[in-house]
């Protein structure tokens, strides 16, 4: 059996009617198909992608400069003392 060509496959996919809200998920308790809202589908997508599910979460918060916010002044300079001529 040969695989379907692009046109035949596309016509098959176009002929299949998919009801609105169809997800392919089945309720375990009742066996009925689940129709999820757009919000629930977005939540499932975020969980599958490993994203934080809260829309209010800011992934790029303002930077807090913990170590560079306090400027320290060097009390001594490295070159304040004379370099010895003969260091043997």
Protein backbone atom coordinates (compact mmCIF):
# COMPACT_ATOMS: atom_id res chain seq x y z
CA UNK A 1 0.00 0.00 0.00
CA UNK A 2 1.42 3.39 -0.99
CA UNK A 3 1.31 6.32 1.38
CA UNK A 4 -1.21 9.03 0.63
CA UNK A 5 0.00 11.90 -1.52
CA UNK A 6 -0.22 15.50 -0.37
CA UNK A 7 -3.49 16.25 -2.21
CA UNK A 8 -5.22 13.06 -1.06
CA UNK A 9 -4.12 13.59 2.51
CA UNK A 10 -5.28 17.21 2.49
CA UNK A 11 -8.69 16.27 1.07
CA UNK A 12 -9.06 13.60 3.77
CA UNK A 13 -8.23 16.12 6.51
CA UNK A 14 -10.66 18.65 5.01
CA UNK A 15 -13.46 16.06 4.93
CA UNK A 16 -13.18 15.26 8.65
CA UNK A 17 -15.43 17.48 10.74
CA UNK A 18 -14.00 18.45 14.10
CA UNK A 19 -16.51 19.95 16.54
CA UNK A 20 -15.64 23.27 18.11
CA UNK A 21 -13.82 22.83 21.40
CA UNK A 22 -12.76 19.27 20.57
CA UNK A 23 -9.57 18.35 22.39
CA UNK A 24 -9.31 14.59 22.06
CA UNK A 25 -9.47 14.30 25.85
CA UNK A 26 -11.89 11.98 27.60
CA UNK A 27 -13.24 12.31 31.12
CA UNK A 28 -11.96 9.33 33.13
CA UNK A 29 -15.06 9.08 35.32
CA UNK A 30 -17.80 9.38 32.70
CA UNK A 31 -16.06 8.46 29.46
CA UNK A 32 -17.52 11.54 27.77
CA UNK A 33 -15.33 13.81 25.65
CA UNK A 34 -14.09 16.95 27.39
CA UNK A 35 -14.81 20.35 25.88
CA UNK A 36 -12.34 22.82 27.32
CA UNK A 37 -12.63 26.60 27.19
CA UNK A 38 -9.92 28.74 25.58
CA UNK A 39 -8.62 29.70 29.04
CA UNK A 40 -8.30 26.03 30.02
CA UNK A 41 -6.56 25.20 26.73
CA UNK A 42 -4.12 28.07 27.29
CA UNK A 43 -3.43 26.78 30.81
CA UNK A 44 -2.73 23.28 29.45
CA UNK A 45 -0.42 24.74 26.80
CA UNK A 46 1.53 26.71 29.43
CA UNK A 47 1.90 23.64 31.67
CA UNK A 48 3.11 21.51 28.74
CA UNK A 49 5.69 24.14 27.79
CA UNK A 50 6.92 24.39 31.39
CA UNK A 51 5.88 28.02 31.77
CA UNK A 52 4.50 29.67 34.88
CA UNK A 53 0.72 29.46 34.69
CA UNK A 54 0.06 32.86 36.26
CA UNK A 55 -0.42 35.60 33.64
CA UNK A 56 0.55 38.28 36.16
CA UNK A 57 4.04 36.81 36.69
CA UNK A 58 6.77 39.04 35.24
CA UNK A 59 9.61 36.88 33.85
CA UNK A 60 11.88 39.93 33.63
CA UNK A 61 11.60 41.90 36.88
CA UNK A 62 13.59 45.04 37.56
CA UNK A 63 17.19 44.26 38.46
CA UNK A 64 18.21 44.83 42.07
CA UNK A 65 21.90 45.55 42.30
CA UNK A 66 22.81 43.71 45.46
CA UNK A 67 26.59 43.94 45.21
CA UNK A 68 27.14 46.96 42.99
CA UNK A 69 24.71 49.35 44.65
CA UNK A 70 27.16 50.21 47.46
CA UNK A 71 30.20 51.95 46.07
CA UNK A 72 33.31 51.40 48.13
CA UNK A 73 36.24 53.79 48.06
CA UNK A 74 39.72 52.34 48.18
CA UNK A 75 41.54 53.80 51.15
CA UNK A 76 45.00 53.11 49.81
CA UNK A 77 46.27 53.18 46.32
CA UNK A 78 48.34 50.37 44.90
CA UNK A 79 50.94 52.83 43.64
CA UNK A 80 51.12 55.07 46.73
CA UNK A 81 54.37 53.59 47.92
CA UNK A 82 57.49 53.72 45.82
CA UNK A 83 58.52 50.62 43.95
CA UNK A 84 61.96 49.47 45.15
CA UNK A 85 64.72 49.85 42.56
CA UNK A 86 66.62 46.76 43.61
CA UNK A 87 64.23 43.91 44.44
CA UNK A 88 66.90 41.16 44.46
